Amino acid sequence: MSGSQTPVFHRYHDAEGKVPNFSADDDAARRSLEGGPPPSADPVAQRNYPAGPSGAPRTRQARPCRLRRDPRR
C-alpha cells in the first residue's frame, strides 16, 4: 500500500488554537517596546550584570575581533 494512502498522512486538524498567542503577555509587550534582553532568573547573572536604565539586566558587549595579519604573507 502506498504511503500516501495511509491514514497517518491524512489527518485533519482544527484551525483553532494553532497560533501562538503572545498578545496577552503584558510583560513581553513591555520588554519589546523598551528593548534589552529578558530578565534573568539566575541570581549570579543578576549580581554580575545589574539592571540597566530600562530595568533589563545588562549584558556583556561583544567587541569586534581584531585579526592579526599573518607574518608569512
C-alpha atoms as a PDB file:
ATOM      1  CA  MET A   1       0.000   0.000   0.000  1.00  0.00           C
ATOM      2  CA  SER A   2       1.268   3.444  -0.884  1.00  0.00           C
ATOM      3  CA  GLY A   3       2.365   5.827   1.863  1.00  0.00           C
ATOM      4  CA  SER A   4       0.024   8.485   0.518  1.00  0.00           C
ATOM      5  CA  GLN A   5      -2.952   6.163   1.046  1.00  0.00           C
ATOM      6  CA  THR A   6      -2.352   5.516   4.746  1.00  0.00           C
ATOM      7  CA  PRO A   7      -4.415   7.442   7.314  1.00  0.00           C
ATOM      8  CA  VAL A   8      -1.250   8.729   9.026  1.00  0.00           C
ATOM      9  CA  PHE A   9      -0.709  11.214   6.200  1.00  0.00           C
ATOM     10  CA  HIS A  10      -4.353  12.296   6.011  1.00  0.00           C
ATOM     11  CA  ARG A  11      -5.040  13.723   9.450  1.00  0.00           C
ATOM     12  CA  TYR A  12      -7.200  16.814   9.558  1.00  0.00           C
ATOM     13  CA  HIS A  13      -6.832  19.264  12.422  1.00  0.00           C
ATOM     14  CA  ASP A  14      -8.978  22.136  13.610  1.00  0.00           C
ATOM     15  CA  ALA A  15      -7.525  25.558  12.886  1.00  0.00           C
ATOM     16  CA  GLU A  16      -8.353  26.769  16.400  1.00  0.00           C
ATOM     17  CA  GLY A  17      -5.517  27.251  18.844  1.00  0.00           C
ATOM     18  CA  LYS A  18      -2.714  26.664  16.354  1.00  0.00           C
ATOM     19  CA  VAL A  19      -1.367  30.232  16.551  1.00  0.00           C
ATOM     20  CA  PRO A  20       0.928  31.299  19.404  1.00  0.00           C
ATOM     21  CA  ASN A  21      -0.928  33.899  21.429  1.00  0.00           C
ATOM     22  CA  PHE A  22       1.687  36.247  22.820  1.00  0.00           C
ATOM     23  CA  SER A  23      -0.642  39.249  22.828  1.00  0.00           C
ATOM     24  CA  ALA A  24      -1.934  38.525  26.345  1.00  0.00           C
ATOM     25  CA  ASP A  25       1.550  38.691  27.895  1.00  0.00           C
ATOM     26  CA  ASP A  26       1.825  42.325  29.046  1.00  0.00           C
ATOM     27  CA  ASP A  27       5.370  41.855  30.345  1.00  0.00           C
ATOM     28  CA  ALA A  28       6.577  40.602  26.952  1.00  0.00           C
ATOM     29  CA  ALA A  29       4.903  43.533  25.192  1.00  0.00           C
ATOM     30  CA  ARG A  30       6.577  45.995  27.591  1.00  0.00           C
ATOM     31  CA  ARG A  31      10.005  44.394  27.096  1.00  0.00           C
ATOM     32  CA  SER A  32       9.633  44.517  23.312  1.00  0.00           C
ATOM     33  CA  LEU A  33       8.940  48.261  23.463  1.00  0.00           C
ATOM     34  CA  GLU A  34      11.785  49.012  25.891  1.00  0.00           C
ATOM     35  CA  GLY A  35      14.321  46.716  24.285  1.00  0.00           C
ATOM     36  CA  GLY A  36      17.005  44.737  26.038  1.00  0.00           C
ATOM     37  CA  PRO A  37      17.267  41.076  26.923  1.00  0.00           C
ATOM     38  CA  PRO A  38      14.623  39.328  29.009  1.00  0.00           C
ATOM     39  CA  PRO A  39      15.205  39.384  32.768  1.00  0.00           C
ATOM     40  CA  SER A  40      17.313  36.520  34.018  1.00  0.00           C
ATOM     41  CA  ALA A  41      16.190  34.211  36.802  1.00  0.00           C
ATOM     42  CA  ASP A  42      19.824  33.330  37.521  1.00  0.00           C
ATOM     43  CA  PRO A  43      20.969  35.126  40.726  1.00  0.00           C
ATOM     44  CA  VAL A  44      24.627  35.002  39.638  1.00  0.00           C
ATOM     45  CA  ALA A  45      23.778  36.768  36.381  1.00  0.00           C
ATOM     46  CA  GLN A  46      21.775  39.385  38.281  1.00  0.00           C
ATOM     47  CA  ARG A  47      24.725  40.032  40.592  1.00  0.00           C
ATOM     48  CA  ASN A  48      27.318  40.193  37.796  1.00  0.00           C
ATOM     49  CA  TYR A  49      25.156  42.193  35.382  1.00  0.00           C
ATOM     50  CA  PRO A  50      22.867  44.516  37.372  1.00  0.00           C
ATOM     51  CA  ALA A  51      19.846  46.128  35.771  1.00  0.00           C
ATOM     52  CA  GLY A  52      20.407  48.992  33.378  1.00  0.00           C
ATOM     53  CA  PRO A  53      18.334  52.170  32.976  1.00  0.00           C
ATOM     54  CA  SER A  54      15.469  50.333  31.245  1.00  0.00           C
ATOM     55  CA  GLY A  55      15.248  47.751  34.039  1.00  0.00           C
ATOM     56  CA  ALA A  56      16.622  44.999  31.816  1.00  0.00           C
ATOM     57  CA  PRO A  57      19.820  43.317  33.008  1.00  0.00           C
ATOM     58  CA  ARG A  58      22.992  44.489  31.341  1.00  0.00           C
ATOM     59  CA  THR A  59      24.927  42.014  29.279  1.00  0.00           C
ATOM     60  CA  ARG A  60      28.480  41.955  28.084  1.00  0.00           C
ATOM     61  CA  GLN A  61      29.063  43.844  24.885  1.00  0.00           C
ATOM     62  CA  ALA A  62      30.607  41.905  22.054  1.00  0.00           C
ATOM     63  CA  ARG A  63      33.794  43.578  20.929  1.00  0.00           C
ATOM     64  CA  PRO A  64      34.984  43.481  17.342  1.00  0.00           C
ATOM     65  CA  CYS A  65      37.662  40.906  16.758  1.00  0.00           C
ATOM     66  CA  ARG A  66      40.954  42.287  15.520  1.00  0.00           C
ATOM     67  CA  LEU A  67      42.667  39.696  13.438  1.00  0.00           C
ATOM     68  CA  ARG A  68      46.423  39.814  13.372  1.00  0.00           C
ATOM     69  CA  ARG A  69      47.958  39.770   9.991  1.00  0.00           C
ATOM     70  CA  ASP A  70      49.745  36.543   9.181  1.00  0.00           C
ATOM     71  CA  PRO A  71      53.506  37.345   9.097  1.00  0.00           C
ATOM     72  CA  ARG A  72      54.062  34.637   6.485  1.00  0.00           C
ATOM     73  CA  ARG A  73      52.116  36.587   3.876  1.00  0.00           C
END
